[in-house]
PDB file of N, CA and C in Angstrom:
ATOM      1  N   MET A   1       0.851  -1.182   0.000  1.00  0.00           N
ATOM      2  CA  MET A   1       0.000   0.000   0.000  1.00  0.00           C
ATOM      3  C   MET A   1       0.889   1.234   0.000  1.00  0.00           C
ATOM      4  N   ASN A   2       0.336   2.328  -0.429  1.00  0.00           N
ATOM      5  CA  ASN A   2       1.046   3.598  -0.507  1.00  0.00           C
ATOM      6  C   ASN A   2       0.234   4.675   0.206  1.00  0.00           C
ATOM      7  N   TYR A   3       0.946   5.588   0.847  1.00  0.00           N
ATOM      8  CA  TYR A   3       0.294   6.669   1.563  1.00  0.00           C
ATOM      9  C   TYR A   3       1.071   7.958   1.376  1.00  0.00           C
ATOM     10  N   LEU A   4       0.383   9.064   1.580  1.00  0.00           N
ATOM     11  CA  LEU A   4       1.009  10.376   1.641  1.00  0.00           C
ATOM     12  C   LEU A   4       0.841  10.880   3.066  1.00  0.00           C
ATOM     13  N   LEU A   5       1.938  11.348   3.660  1.00  0.00           N
ATOM     14  CA  LEU A   5       1.915  11.912   5.005  1.00  0.00           C
ATOM     15  C   LEU A   5       2.167  13.406   4.908  1.00  0.00           C
ATOM     16  N   LYS A   6       1.255  14.190   5.451  1.00  0.00           N
ATOM     17  CA  LYS A   6       1.424  15.642   5.455  1.00  0.00           C
ATOM     18  C   LYS A   6       2.110  16.069   6.749  1.00  0.00           C
ATOM     19  N   THR A   7       2.990  17.049   6.607  1.00  0.00           N
ATOM     20  CA  THR A   7       3.658  17.603   7.772  1.00  0.00           C
ATOM     21  C   THR A   7       3.868  19.102   7.583  1.00  0.00           C
ATOM     22  N   GLU A   8       3.810  19.811   8.671  1.00  0.00           N
ATOM     23  CA  GLU A   8       4.117  21.238   8.663  1.00  0.00           C
ATOM     24  C   GLU A   8       5.632  21.352   8.842  1.00  0.00           C
ATOM     25  N   PRO A   9       6.355  21.887   7.846  1.00  0.00           N
ATOM     26  CA  PRO A   9       7.822  21.881   7.925  1.00  0.00           C
ATOM     27  C   PRO A   9       8.393  22.642   9.118  1.00  0.00           C
ATOM     28  N   SER A  10       7.654  23.596   9.663  1.00  0.00           N
ATOM     29  CA  SER A  10       8.158  24.299  10.850  1.00  0.00           C
ATOM     30  C   SER A  10       8.096  23.404  12.090  1.00  0.00           C
ATOM     31  N   GLU A  11       7.275  22.340  12.035  1.00  0.00           N
ATOM     32  CA  GLU A  11       7.197  21.391  13.153  1.00  0.00           C
ATOM     33  C   GLU A  11       8.108  20.183  12.938  1.00  0.00           C
ATOM     34  N   TYR A  12       8.048  19.599  11.742  1.00  0.00           N
ATOM     35  CA  TYR A  12       8.918  18.464  11.400  1.00  0.00           C
ATOM     36  C   TYR A  12       8.962  18.366   9.886  1.00  0.00           C
ATOM     37  N   SER A  13      10.130  18.631   9.320  1.00  0.00           N
ATOM     38  CA  SER A  13      10.284  18.670   7.868  1.00  0.00           C
ATOM     39  C   SER A  13      10.934  17.395   7.351  1.00  0.00           C
ATOM     40  N   PHE A  14      10.931  17.256   6.030  1.00  0.00           N
ATOM     41  CA  PHE A  14      11.639  16.131   5.422  1.00  0.00           C
ATOM     42  C   PHE A  14      13.133  16.221   5.724  1.00  0.00           C
ATOM     43  N   VAL A  15      13.661  17.433   5.801  1.00  0.00           N
ATOM     44  CA  VAL A  15      15.076  17.612   6.167  1.00  0.00           C
ATOM     45  C   VAL A  15      15.321  17.060   7.571  1.00  0.00           C
ATOM     46  N   ASP A  16      14.374  17.281   8.485  1.00  0.00           N
ATOM     47  CA  ASP A  16      14.496  16.707   9.831  1.00  0.00           C
ATOM     48  C   ASP A  16      14.526  15.183   9.755  1.00  0.00           C
ATOM     49  N   LEU A  17      13.639  14.595   8.935  1.00  0.00           N
ATOM     50  CA  LEU A  17      13.623  13.139   8.777  1.00  0.00           C
ATOM     51  C   LEU A  17      14.935  12.646   8.187  1.00  0.00           C
ATOM     52  N   GLN A  18      15.482  13.369   7.218  1.00  0.00           N
ATOM     53  CA  GLN A  18      16.776  12.981   6.654  1.00  0.00           C
ATOM     54  C   GLN A  18      17.848  12.980   7.741  1.00  0.00           C
ATOM     55  N   HIS A  19      17.821  13.973   8.592  1.00  0.00           N
ATOM     56  CA  HIS A  19      18.798  14.059   9.686  1.00  0.00           C
ATOM     57  C   HIS A  19      18.612  12.911  10.679  1.00  0.00           C
ATOM     58  N   ASP A  20      17.342  12.643  11.055  1.00  0.00           N
ATOM     59  CA  ASP A  20      17.047  11.628  12.067  1.00  0.00           C
ATOM     60  C   ASP A  20      17.142  10.199  11.523  1.00  0.00           C
ATOM     61  N   LYS A  21      16.994  10.020  10.210  1.00  0.00           N
ATOM     62  CA  LYS A  21      16.976   8.718   9.519  1.00  0.00           C
ATOM     63  C   LYS A  21      15.672   7.953   9.721  1.00  0.00           C
ATOM     64  N   SER A  22      15.057   8.071  10.893  1.00  0.00           N
ATOM     65  CA  SER A  22      13.758   7.444  11.162  1.00  0.00           C
ATOM     66  C   SER A  22      13.063   8.237  12.253  1.00  0.00           C
ATOM     67  N   THR A  23      11.753   8.030  12.345  1.00  0.00           N
ATOM     68  CA  THR A  23      10.978   8.715  13.378  1.00  0.00           C
ATOM     69  C   THR A  23       9.686   7.948  13.621  1.00  0.00           C
ATOM     70  N   ILE A  24       9.019   8.281  14.705  1.00  0.00           N
ATOM     71  CA  ILE A  24       7.691   7.748  14.986  1.00  0.00           C
ATOM     72  C   ILE A  24       6.677   8.774  14.498  1.00  0.00           C
ATOM     73  N   TRP A  25       5.786   8.347  13.611  1.00  0.00           N
ATOM     74  CA  TRP A  25       4.739   9.229  13.092  1.00  0.00           C
ATOM     75  C   TRP A  25       3.502   9.017  13.945  1.00  0.00           C
ATOM     76  N   ASP A  26       3.158   9.999  14.722  1.00  0.00           N
ATOM     77  CA  ASP A  26       2.001   9.895  15.617  1.00  0.00           C
ATOM     78  C   ASP A  26       1.413  11.281  15.810  1.00  0.00           C
ATOM     79  N   GLY A  27       0.545  11.443  16.765  1.00  0.00           N
ATOM     80  CA  GLY A  27      -0.037  12.741  17.048  1.00  0.00           C
ATOM     81  C   GLY A  27      -1.134  13.149  16.083  1.00  0.00           C
ATOM     82  N   VAL A  28      -1.677  12.197  15.367  1.00  0.00           N
ATOM     83  CA  VAL A  28      -2.755  12.464  14.412  1.00  0.00           C
ATOM     84  C   VAL A  28      -4.080  12.397  15.166  1.00  0.00           C
ATOM     85  N   SER A  29      -5.019  13.313  14.863  1.00  0.00           N
ATOM     86  CA  SER A  29      -6.287  13.300  15.593  1.00  0.00           C
ATOM     87  C   SER A  29      -7.508  13.032  14.717  1.00  0.00           C
ATOM     88  N   ASN A  30      -7.429  13.288  13.419  1.00  0.00           N
ATOM     89  CA  ASN A  30      -8.570  13.066  12.534  1.00  0.00           C
ATOM     90  C   ASN A  30      -8.892  11.571  12.481  1.00  0.00           C
ATOM     91  N   PRO A  31     -10.158  11.183  12.686  1.00  0.00           N
ATOM     92  CA  PRO A  31     -10.517   9.757  12.702  1.00  0.00           C
ATOM     93  C   PRO A  31     -10.152   9.003  11.419  1.00  0.00           C
ATOM     94  N   VAL A  32     -10.313   9.626  10.270  1.00  0.00           N
ATOM     95  CA  VAL A  32      -9.967   8.962   9.005  1.00  0.00           C
ATOM     96  C   VAL A  32      -8.459   8.796   8.896  1.00  0.00           C
ATOM     97  N   ALA A  33      -7.706   9.824   9.258  1.00  0.00           N
ATOM     98  CA  ALA A  33      -6.246   9.741   9.234  1.00  0.00           C
ATOM     99  C   ALA A  33      -5.755   8.679  10.220  1.00  0.00           C
ATOM    100  N   LEU A  34      -6.378   8.601  11.403  1.00  0.00           N
ATOM    101  CA  LEU A  34      -6.017   7.568  12.375  1.00  0.00           C
ATOM    102  C   LEU A  34      -6.252   6.169  11.808  1.00  0.00           C
ATOM    103  N   ARG A  35      -7.381   5.990  11.142  1.00  0.00           N
ATOM    104  CA  ARG A  35      -7.668   4.691  10.525  1.00  0.00           C
ATOM    105  C   ARG A  35      -6.595   4.348   9.485  1.00  0.00           C
ATOM    106  N   ASN A  36      -6.208   5.341   8.684  1.00  0.00           N
ATOM    107  CA  ASN A  36      -5.174   5.111   7.681  1.00  0.00           C
ATOM    108  C   ASN A  36      -3.846   4.725   8.333  1.00  0.00           C
ATOM    109  N   LEU A  37      -3.491   5.365   9.440  1.00  0.00           N
ATOM    110  CA  LEU A  37      -2.260   5.002  10.158  1.00  0.00           C
ATOM    111  C   LEU A  37      -2.334   3.572  10.678  1.00  0.00           C
ATOM    112  N   ARG A  38      -3.476   3.221  11.283  1.00  0.00           N
ATOM    113  CA  ARG A  38      -3.629   1.866  11.849  1.00  0.00           C
ATOM    114  C   ARG A  38      -3.547   0.787  10.769  1.00  0.00           C
ATOM    115  N   GLU A  39      -3.953   1.127   9.544  1.00  0.00           N
ATOM    116  CA  GLU A  39      -3.952   0.143   8.454  1.00  0.00           C
ATOM    117  C   GLU A  39      -2.588  -0.029   7.799  1.00  0.00           C
ATOM    118  N   MET A  40      -1.626   0.805   8.134  1.00  0.00           N
ATOM    119  CA  MET A  40      -0.300   0.693   7.527  1.00  0.00           C
ATOM    120  C   MET A  40       0.372  -0.609   7.930  1.00  0.00           C
ATOM    121  N   LYS A  41       1.242  -1.075   7.051  1.00  0.00           N
ATOM    122  CA  LYS A  41       2.004  -2.313   7.269  1.00  0.00           C
ATOM    123  C   LYS A  41       3.482  -2.027   6.991  1.00  0.00           C
ATOM    124  N   PRO A  42       4.373  -2.772   7.654  1.00  0.00           N
ATOM    125  CA  PRO A  42       5.797  -2.616   7.332  1.00  0.00           C
ATOM    126  C   PRO A  42       6.030  -2.828   5.831  1.00  0.00           C
ATOM    127  N   GLY A  43       6.843  -1.949   5.280  1.00  0.00           N
ATOM    128  CA  GLY A  43       7.143  -2.009   3.852  1.00  0.00           C
ATOM    129  C   GLY A  43       6.285  -1.093   3.005  1.00  0.00           C
ATOM    130  N   ASP A  44       5.181  -0.577   3.560  1.00  0.00           N
ATOM    131  CA  ASP A  44       4.356   0.363   2.795  1.00  0.00           C
ATOM    132  C   ASP A  44       5.209   1.567   2.400  1.00  0.00           C
ATOM    133  N   ARG A  45       4.959   2.062   1.199  1.00  0.00           N
ATOM    134  CA  ARG A  45       5.719   3.189   0.663  1.00  0.00           C
ATOM    135  C   ARG A  45       4.975   4.489   0.937  1.00  0.00           C
ATOM    136  N   LEU A  46       5.757   5.516   1.292  1.00  0.00           N
ATOM    137  CA  LEU A  46       5.195   6.796   1.701  1.00  0.00           C
ATOM    138  C   LEU A  46       5.758   7.939   0.870  1.00  0.00           C
ATOM    139  N   VAL A  47       4.933   8.950   0.670  1.00  0.00           N
ATOM    140  CA  VAL A  47       5.375  10.219   0.122  1.00  0.00           C
ATOM    141  C   VAL A  47       5.184  11.245   1.230  1.00  0.00           C
ATOM    142  N   ILE A  48       6.223  12.022   1.487  1.00  0.00           N
ATOM    143  CA  ILE A  48       6.146  13.081   2.493  1.00  0.00           C
ATOM    144  C   ILE A  48       5.785  14.381   1.776  1.00  0.00           C
ATOM    145  N   TYR A  49       4.750  15.030   2.285  1.00  0.00           N
ATOM    146  CA  TYR A  49       4.209  16.254   1.691  1.00  0.00           C
ATOM    147  C   TYR A  49       4.278  17.351   2.738  1.00  0.00           C
ATOM    148  N   GLU A  50       4.922  18.462   2.386  1.00  0.00           N
ATOM    149  CA  GLU A  50       5.019  19.571   3.320  1.00  0.00           C
ATOM    150  C   GLU A  50       3.931  20.603   3.034  1.00  0.00           C
ATOM    151  N   THR A  51       3.229  20.999   4.085  1.00  0.00           N
ATOM    152  CA  THR A  51       2.151  21.979   3.985  1.00  0.00           C
ATOM    153  C   THR A  51       2.729  23.382   4.153  1.00  0.00           C
ATOM    154  N   GLY A  52       1.919  24.305   4.599  1.00  0.00           N
ATOM    155  CA  GLY A  52       2.390  25.672   4.821  1.00  0.00           C
ATOM    156  C   GLY A  52       2.659  26.381   3.510  1.00  0.00           C
ATOM    157  N   ASP A  53       3.752  27.123   3.460  1.00  0.00           N
ATOM    158  CA  ASP A  53       4.095  27.883   2.264  1.00  0.00           C
ATOM    159  C   ASP A  53       4.498  26.984   1.102  1.00  0.00           C
ATOM    160  N   ARG A  54       5.005  25.810   1.401  1.00  0.00           N
ATOM    161  CA  ARG A  54       5.545  24.936   0.354  1.00  0.00           C
ATOM    162  C   ARG A  54       4.463  24.195  -0.429  1.00  0.00           C
ATOM    163  N   LYS A  55       3.548  23.539   0.240  1.00  0.00           N
ATOM    164  CA  LYS A  55       2.441  22.779  -0.369  1.00  0.00           C
ATOM    165  C   LYS A  55       2.912  21.909  -1.529  1.00  0.00           C
ATOM    166  N   SER A  56       3.815  20.956  -1.217  1.00  0.00           N
ATOM    167  CA  SER A  56       4.314  20.062  -2.260  1.00  0.00           C
ATOM    168  C   SER A  56       4.891  18.791  -1.652  1.00  0.00           C
ATOM    169  N   SER A  57       4.935  17.754  -2.496  1.00  0.00           N
ATOM    170  CA  SER A  57       5.597  16.516  -2.090  1.00  0.00           C
ATOM    171  C   SER A  57       7.096  16.772  -2.143  1.00  0.00           C
ATOM    172  N   VAL A  58       7.822  16.251  -1.157  1.00  0.00           N
ATOM    173  CA  VAL A  58       9.247  16.579  -1.065  1.00  0.00           C
ATOM    174  C   VAL A  58      10.160  15.367  -0.896  1.00  0.00           C
ATOM    175  N   GLY A  59       9.610  14.216  -0.509  1.00  0.00           N
ATOM    176  CA  GLY A  59      10.473  13.071  -0.282  1.00  0.00           C
ATOM    177  C   GLY A  59       9.686  11.789  -0.095  1.00  0.00           C
ATOM    178  N   THR A  60      10.433  10.697   0.027  1.00  0.00           N
ATOM    179  CA  THR A  60       9.822   9.388   0.240  1.00  0.00           C
ATOM    180  C   THR A  60      10.283   8.815   1.573  1.00  0.00           C
ATOM    181  N   ALA A  61       9.538   7.832   2.028  1.00  0.00           N
ATOM    182  CA  ALA A  61       9.874   7.113   3.255  1.00  0.00           C
ATOM    183  C   ALA A  61       9.223   5.734   3.163  1.00  0.00           C
ATOM    184  N   THR A  62       9.532   4.882   4.122  1.00  0.00           N
ATOM    185  CA  THR A  62       8.986   3.536   4.177  1.00  0.00           C
ATOM    186  C   THR A  62       8.549   3.238   5.601  1.00  0.00           C
ATOM    187  N   VAL A  63       7.440   2.518   5.748  1.00  0.00           N
ATOM    188  CA  VAL A  63       6.981   2.088   7.067  1.00  0.00           C
ATOM    189  C   VAL A  63       7.886   0.959   7.559  1.00  0.00           C
ATOM    190  N   VAL A  64       8.397   1.111   8.775  1.00  0.00           N
ATOM    191  CA  VAL A  64       9.238   0.092   9.404  1.00  0.00           C
ATOM    192  C   VAL A  64       8.394  -0.800  10.301  1.00  0.00           C
ATOM    193  N   SER A  65       7.554  -0.177  11.135  1.00  0.00           N
ATOM    194  CA  SER A  65       6.716  -0.947  12.058  1.00  0.00           C
ATOM    195  C   SER A  65       5.489  -0.130  12.434  1.00  0.00           C
ATOM    196  N   VAL A  66       4.468  -0.841  12.912  1.00  0.00           N
ATOM    197  CA  VAL A  66       3.225  -0.202  13.326  1.00  0.00           C
ATOM    198  C   VAL A  66       2.820  -0.771  14.673  1.00  0.00           C
ATOM    199  N   ASP A  67       2.598   0.107  15.639  1.00  0.00           N
ATOM    200  CA  ASP A  67       2.042  -0.292  16.926  1.00  0.00           C
ATOM    201  C   ASP A  67       0.685   0.392  17.051  1.00  0.00           C
ATOM    202  N   ALA A  68      -0.369  -0.373  16.802  1.00  0.00           N
ATOM    203  CA  ALA A  68      -1.727   0.168  16.870  1.00  0.00           C
ATOM    204  C   ALA A  68      -2.440  -0.299  18.138  1.00  0.00           C
ATOM    205  N   SER A  69      -1.668  -0.654  19.174  1.00  0.00           N
ATOM    206  CA  SER A  69      -2.277  -1.137  20.411  1.00  0.00           C
ATOM    207  C   SER A  69      -3.133  -0.062  21.083  1.00  0.00           C
ATOM    208  N   ASN A  70      -2.802   1.203  20.861  1.00  0.00           N
ATOM    209  CA  ASN A  70      -3.653   2.299  21.310  1.00  0.00           C
ATOM    210  C   ASN A  70      -4.310   2.872  20.060  1.00  0.00           C
ATOM    211  N   PRO A  71      -5.564   2.494  19.782  1.00  0.00           N
ATOM    212  CA  PRO A  71      -6.193   2.911  18.530  1.00  0.00           C
ATOM    213  C   PRO A  71      -6.326   4.422  18.358  1.00  0.00           C
ATOM    214  N   LYS A  72      -6.292   5.162  19.470  1.00  0.00           N
ATOM    215  CA  LYS A  72      -6.398   6.619  19.372  1.00  0.00           C
ATOM    216  C   LYS A  72      -5.043   7.286  19.148  1.00  0.00           C
ATOM    217  N   ASN A  73      -3.969   6.529  19.261  1.00  0.00           N
ATOM    218  CA  ASN A  73      -2.628   7.077  19.023  1.00  0.00           C
ATOM    219  C   ASN A  73      -1.702   5.998  18.476  1.00  0.00           C
ATOM    220  N   PRO A  74      -1.976   5.515  17.251  1.00  0.00           N
ATOM    221  CA  PRO A  74      -1.078   4.519  16.671  1.00  0.00           C
ATOM    222  C   PRO A  74       0.312   5.113  16.454  1.00  0.00           C
ATOM    223  N   GLN A  75       1.324   4.291  16.647  1.00  0.00           N
ATOM    224  CA  GLN A  75       2.706   4.723  16.503  1.00  0.00           C
ATOM    225  C   GLN A  75       3.293   4.015  15.288  1.00  0.00           C
ATOM    226  N   VAL A  76       3.581   4.771  14.250  1.00  0.00           N
ATOM    227  CA  VAL A  76       4.116   4.209  13.021  1.00  0.00           C
ATOM    228  C   VAL A  76       5.564   4.669  12.882  1.00  0.00           C
ATOM    229  N   LYS A  77       6.481   3.709  12.906  1.00  0.00           N
ATOM    230  CA  LYS A  77       7.897   4.044  12.717  1.00  0.00           C
ATOM    231  C   LYS A  77       8.173   4.055  11.219  1.00  0.00           C
ATOM    232  N   ILE A  78       8.765   5.166  10.760  1.00  0.00           N
ATOM    233  CA  ILE A  78       9.101   5.284   9.341  1.00  0.00           C
ATOM    234  C   ILE A  78      10.598   5.548   9.204  1.00  0.00           C
ATOM    235  N   LYS A  79      11.148   5.152   8.046  1.00  0.00           N
ATOM    236  CA  LYS A  79      12.554   5.475   7.760  1.00  0.00           C
ATOM    237  C   LYS A  79      12.607   6.299   6.484  1.00  0.00           C
ATOM    238  N   VAL A  80      13.572   7.180   6.446  1.00  0.00           N
ATOM    239  CA  VAL A  80      13.713   8.110   5.339  1.00  0.00           C
ATOM    240  C   VAL A  80      14.013   7.369   4.043  1.00  0.00           C
ATOM    241  N   GLY A  81      13.516   7.947   2.962  1.00  0.00           N
ATOM    242  CA  GLY A  81      13.826   7.460   1.629  1.00  0.00           C
ATOM    243  C   GLY A  81      14.647   8.505   0.903  1.00  0.00           C
ATOM    244  N   GLU A  82      14.185   8.863  -0.275  1.00  0.00           N
ATOM    245  CA  GLU A  82      14.908   9.806  -1.123  1.00  0.00           C
ATOM    246  C   GLU A  82      14.165  11.137  -1.232  1.00  0.00           C
ATOM    247  N   PRO A  83      14.907  12.223  -1.409  1.00  0.00           N
ATOM    248  CA  PRO A  83      14.243  13.488  -1.703  1.00  0.00           C
ATOM    249  C   PRO A  83      13.626  13.425  -3.104  1.00  0.00           C
ATOM    250  N   LEU A  84      12.583  14.199  -3.311  1.00  0.00           N
ATOM    251  CA  LEU A  84      11.903  14.244  -4.597  1.00  0.00           C
ATOM    252  C   LEU A  84      11.997  15.648  -5.180  1.00  0.00           C
ATOM    253  N   LYS A  85      11.902  15.715  -6.504  1.00  0.00           N
ATOM    254  CA  LYS A  85      11.650  16.996  -7.140  1.00  0.00           C
ATOM    255  C   LYS A  85      10.223  17.343  -6.732  1.00  0.00           C
ATOM    256  N   ALA A  86      10.033  18.490  -6.143  1.00  0.00           N
ATOM    257  CA  ALA A  86       8.733  18.850  -5.572  1.00  0.00           C
ATOM    258  C   ALA A  86       7.628  18.837  -6.627  1.00  0.00           C
ATOM    259  N   THR A  87       6.504  18.236  -6.239  1.00  0.00           N
ATOM    260  CA  THR A  87       5.274  18.315  -7.022  1.00  0.00           C
ATOM    261  C   THR A  87       4.311  19.160  -6.210  1.00  0.00           C
ATOM    262  N   THR A  88       3.918  20.296  -6.750  1.00  0.00           N
ATOM    263  CA  THR A  88       3.087  21.231  -6.001  1.00  0.00           C
ATOM    264  C   THR A  88       1.634  20.767  -5.946  1.00  0.00           C
ATOM    265  N   LEU A  89       0.899  21.328  -5.013  1.00  0.00           N
ATOM    266  CA  LEU A  89      -0.519  21.032  -4.896  1.00  0.00           C
ATOM    267  C   LEU A  89      -1.253  21.400  -6.188  1.00  0.00           C
ATOM    268  N   ALA A  90      -0.867  22.498  -6.812  1.00  0.00           N
ATOM    269  CA  ALA A  90      -1.503  22.897  -8.075  1.00  0.00           C
ATOM    270  C   ALA A  90      -1.278  21.830  -9.151  1.00  0.00           C
ATOM    271  N   GLU A  91      -0.069  21.267  -9.215  1.00  0.00           N
ATOM    272  CA  GLU A  91       0.221  20.206 -10.189  1.00  0.00           C
ATOM    273  C   GLU A  91      -0.579  18.945  -9.874  1.00  0.00           C
ATOM    274  N   ILE A  92      -0.721  18.657  -8.601  1.00  0.00           N
ATOM    275  CA  ILE A  92      -1.497  17.484  -8.178  1.00  0.00           C
ATOM    276  C   ILE A  92      -2.960  17.670  -8.564  1.00  0.00           C
ATOM    277  N   LYS A  93      -3.513  18.834  -8.249  1.00  0.00           N
ATOM    278  CA  LYS A  93      -4.920  19.101  -8.564  1.00  0.00           C
ATOM    279  C   LYS A  93      -5.184  19.074 -10.072  1.00  0.00           C
ATOM    280  N   ALA A  94      -4.194  19.433 -10.869  1.00  0.00           N
ATOM    281  CA  ALA A  94      -4.352  19.466 -12.330  1.00  0.00           C
ATOM    282  C   ALA A  94      -4.276  18.073 -12.956  1.00  0.00           C
ATOM    283  N   ASN A  95      -3.805  17.087 -12.194  1.00  0.00           N
ATOM    284  CA  ASN A  95      -3.635  15.740 -12.737  1.00  0.00           C
ATOM    285  C   ASN A  95      -4.896  14.919 -12.484  1.00  0.00           C
ATOM    286  N   LYS A  96      -5.442  14.335 -13.531  1.00  0.00           N
ATOM    287  CA  LYS A  96      -6.689  13.567 -13.422  1.00  0.00           C
ATOM    288  C   LYS A  96      -6.568  12.352 -12.509  1.00  0.00           C
ATOM    289  N   LEU A  97      -5.347  11.879 -12.250  1.00  0.00           N
ATOM    290  CA  LEU A  97      -5.162  10.763 -11.324  1.00  0.00           C
ATOM    291  C   LEU A  97      -5.693  11.083  -9.924  1.00  0.00           C
ATOM    292  N   PHE A  98      -5.716  12.363  -9.589  1.00  0.00           N
ATOM    293  CA  PHE A  98      -6.078  12.783  -8.236  1.00  0.00           C
ATOM    294  C   PHE A  98      -7.496  13.353  -8.143  1.00  0.00           C
ATOM    295  N   ALA A  99      -8.276  13.231  -9.199  1.00  0.00           N
ATOM    296  CA  ALA A  99      -9.622  13.819  -9.238  1.00  0.00           C
ATOM    297  C   ALA A  99     -10.482  13.390  -8.054  1.00  0.00           C
ATOM    298  N   ASP A 100     -10.424  12.128  -7.672  1.00  0.00           N
ATOM    299  CA  ASP A 100     -11.235  11.620  -6.562  1.00  0.00           C
ATOM    300  C   ASP A 100     -10.421  11.389  -5.289  1.00  0.00           C
ATOM    301  N   SER A 101      -9.194  11.856  -5.260  1.00  0.00           N
ATOM    302  CA  SER A 101      -8.305  11.603  -4.122  1.00  0.00           C
ATOM    303  C   SER A 101      -8.703  12.427  -2.904  1.00  0.00           C
ATOM    304  N   PRO A 102      -8.624  11.831  -1.718  1.00  0.00           N
ATOM    305  CA  PRO A 102      -8.839  12.608  -0.493  1.00  0.00           C
ATOM    306  C   PRO A 102      -7.824  13.744  -0.355  1.00  0.00           C
ATOM    307  N   LEU A 103      -6.684  13.628  -1.007  1.00  0.00           N
ATOM    308  CA  LEU A 103      -5.688  14.696  -0.965  1.00  0.00           C
ATOM    309  C   LEU A 103      -6.277  15.987  -1.514  1.00  0.00           C
ATOM    310  N   VAL A 104      -7.112  15.871  -2.532  1.00  0.00           N
ATOM    311  CA  VAL A 104      -7.745  17.033  -3.159  1.00  0.00           C
ATOM    312  C   VAL A 104      -9.105  17.326  -2.521  1.00  0.00           C
ATOM    313  N   ARG A 105      -9.862  16.280  -2.221  1.00  0.00           N
ATOM    314  CA  ARG A 105     -11.228  16.462  -1.715  1.00  0.00           C
ATOM    315  C   ARG A 105     -11.279  16.788  -0.228  1.00  0.00           C
ATOM    316  N   GLN A 106     -10.326  16.282   0.550  1.00  0.00           N
ATOM    317  CA  GLN A 106     -10.295  16.509   2.003  1.00  0.00           C
ATOM    318  C   GLN A 106      -8.954  17.142   2.359  1.00  0.00           C
ATOM    319  N   GLY A 107      -8.818  18.404   2.063  1.00  0.00           N
ATOM    320  CA  GLY A 107      -7.543  19.094   2.192  1.00  0.00           C
ATOM    321  C   GLY A 107      -6.873  19.009   3.547  1.00  0.00           C
ATOM    322  N   ARG A 108      -7.637  18.838   4.593  1.00  0.00           N
ATOM    323  CA  ARG A 108      -7.049  18.815   5.936  1.00  0.00           C
ATOM    324  C   ARG A 108      -6.660  17.415   6.406  1.00  0.00           C
ATOM    325  N   LEU A 109      -6.896  16.408   5.571  1.00  0.00           N
ATOM    326  CA  LEU A 109      -6.565  15.029   5.938  1.00  0.00           C
ATOM    327  C   LEU A 109      -5.051  14.839   5.891  1.00  0.00           C
ATOM    328  N   SER A 110      -4.457  14.426   7.004  1.00  0.00           N
ATOM    329  CA  SER A 110      -2.992  14.377   7.110  1.00  0.00           C
ATOM    330  C   SER A 110      -2.367  13.047   6.719  1.00  0.00           C
ATOM    331  N   VAL A 111      -3.156  12.001   6.576  1.00  0.00           N
ATOM    332  CA  VAL A 111      -2.661  10.692   6.143  1.00  0.00           C
ATOM    333  C   VAL A 111      -3.594  10.229   5.035  1.00  0.00           C
ATOM    334  N   VAL A 112      -3.071  10.191   3.808  1.00  0.00           N
ATOM    335  CA  VAL A 112      -3.902   9.960   2.634  1.00  0.00           C
ATOM    336  C   VAL A 112      -3.437   8.706   1.905  1.00  0.00           C
ATOM    337  N   PRO A 113      -4.342   7.754   1.639  1.00  0.00           N
ATOM    338  CA  PRO A 113      -3.947   6.604   0.824  1.00  0.00           C
ATOM    339  C   PRO A 113      -3.694   7.049  -0.615  1.00  0.00           C
ATOM    340  N   LEU A 114      -2.725   6.407  -1.254  1.00  0.00           N
ATOM    341  CA  LEU A 114      -2.405   6.685  -2.646  1.00  0.00           C
ATOM    342  C   LEU A 114      -2.520   5.407  -3.459  1.00  0.00           C
ATOM    343  N   SER A 115      -3.058   5.522  -4.656  1.00  0.00           N
ATOM    344  CA  SER A 115      -3.040   4.378  -5.572  1.00  0.00           C
ATOM    345  C   SER A 115      -1.605   4.194  -6.064  1.00  0.00           C
ATOM    346  N   ALA A 116      -1.343   3.054  -6.682  1.00  0.00           N
ATOM    347  CA  ALA A 116      -0.009   2.809  -7.242  1.00  0.00           C
ATOM    348  C   ALA A 116       0.332   3.871  -8.284  1.00  0.00           C
ATOM    349  N   ALA A 117      -0.640   4.252  -9.108  1.00  0.00           N
ATOM    350  CA  ALA A 117      -0.398   5.261 -10.145  1.00  0.00           C
ATOM    351  C   ALA A 117      -0.121   6.628  -9.529  1.00  0.00           C
ATOM    352  N   GLN A 118      -0.851   6.981  -8.468  1.00  0.00           N
ATOM    353  CA  GLN A 118      -0.617   8.257  -7.793  1.00  0.00           C
ATOM    354  C   GLN A 118       0.783   8.283  -7.162  1.00  0.00           C
ATOM    355  N   HIS A 119       1.149   7.179  -6.508  1.00  0.00           N
ATOM    356  CA  HIS A 119       2.474   7.098  -5.895  1.00  0.00           C
ATOM    357  C   HIS A 119       3.559   7.223  -6.955  1.00  0.00           C
ATOM    358  N   LYS A 120       3.378   6.529  -8.048  1.00  0.00           N
ATOM    359  CA  LYS A 120       4.372   6.587  -9.127  1.00  0.00           C
ATOM    360  C   LYS A 120       4.510   8.005  -9.658  1.00  0.00           C
ATOM    361  N   PHE A 121       3.377   8.691  -9.873  1.00  0.00           N
ATOM    362  CA  PHE A 121       3.424  10.071 -10.363  1.00  0.00           C
ATOM    363  C   PHE A 121       4.204  10.965  -9.395  1.00  0.00           C
ATOM    364  N   LEU A 122       3.908  10.882  -8.109  1.00  0.00           N
ATOM    365  CA  LEU A 122       4.560  11.747  -7.134  1.00  0.00           C
ATOM    366  C   LEU A 122       6.030  11.391  -6.924  1.00  0.00           C
ATOM    367  N   SER A 123       6.368  10.110  -6.972  1.00  0.00           N
ATOM    368  CA  SER A 123       7.731   9.711  -6.662  1.00  0.00           C
ATOM    369  C   SER A 123       8.647   9.701  -7.873  1.00  0.00           C
ATOM    370  N   SER A 124       8.112   9.930  -9.072  1.00  0.00           N
ATOM    371  CA  SER A 124       8.968   9.917 -10.252  1.00  0.00           C
ATOM    372  C   SER A 124       9.143  11.310 -10.846  1.00  0.00           C
ATOM    373  N   GLN A 125       8.674  12.314 -10.159  1.00  0.00           N
ATOM    374  CA  GLN A 125       8.799  13.689 -10.657  1.00  0.00           C
ATOM    375  C   GLN A 125      10.225  14.167 -10.529  1.00  0.00           C
TER     376      GLN A 125
END
C-alpha cells in the first residue's frame, strides 16, 4: 500500500527526517487519518508532503513498524527514503489521477492513501 503523510515543515520537515533517519509518526487526531495510520504495514511506501508555504511533495519514506495497540494514538515508525523533485498542490490538482483523491477532496486530511499510479506520479517527478 502507498500513503502520503502531510507535515508542517516548521514542526517536522523532510530535512528533519533525513537528519534523524527514522521517526515515529504519531499525534494524528482526525478519525480517518487515524484509521489510515492503523492500516499501515511494514514495507508500505510513503510520500512526504510539506504543507504551509511549500504545499508540495518533497520526499519518500517507508513504514518500518506499526504499533496500533492504542487505537487513538497509533505509533508508526518510518525510515527516510529519497528526496523528490517537488510536485506542487496545483500540479497534483491538475492531474486527473487525483480527481477523486482525499488529498484534493479533504484538504485537511494528514494521512492519505495513494493508488499505485498516484504514488508513481509523485515519486517519479
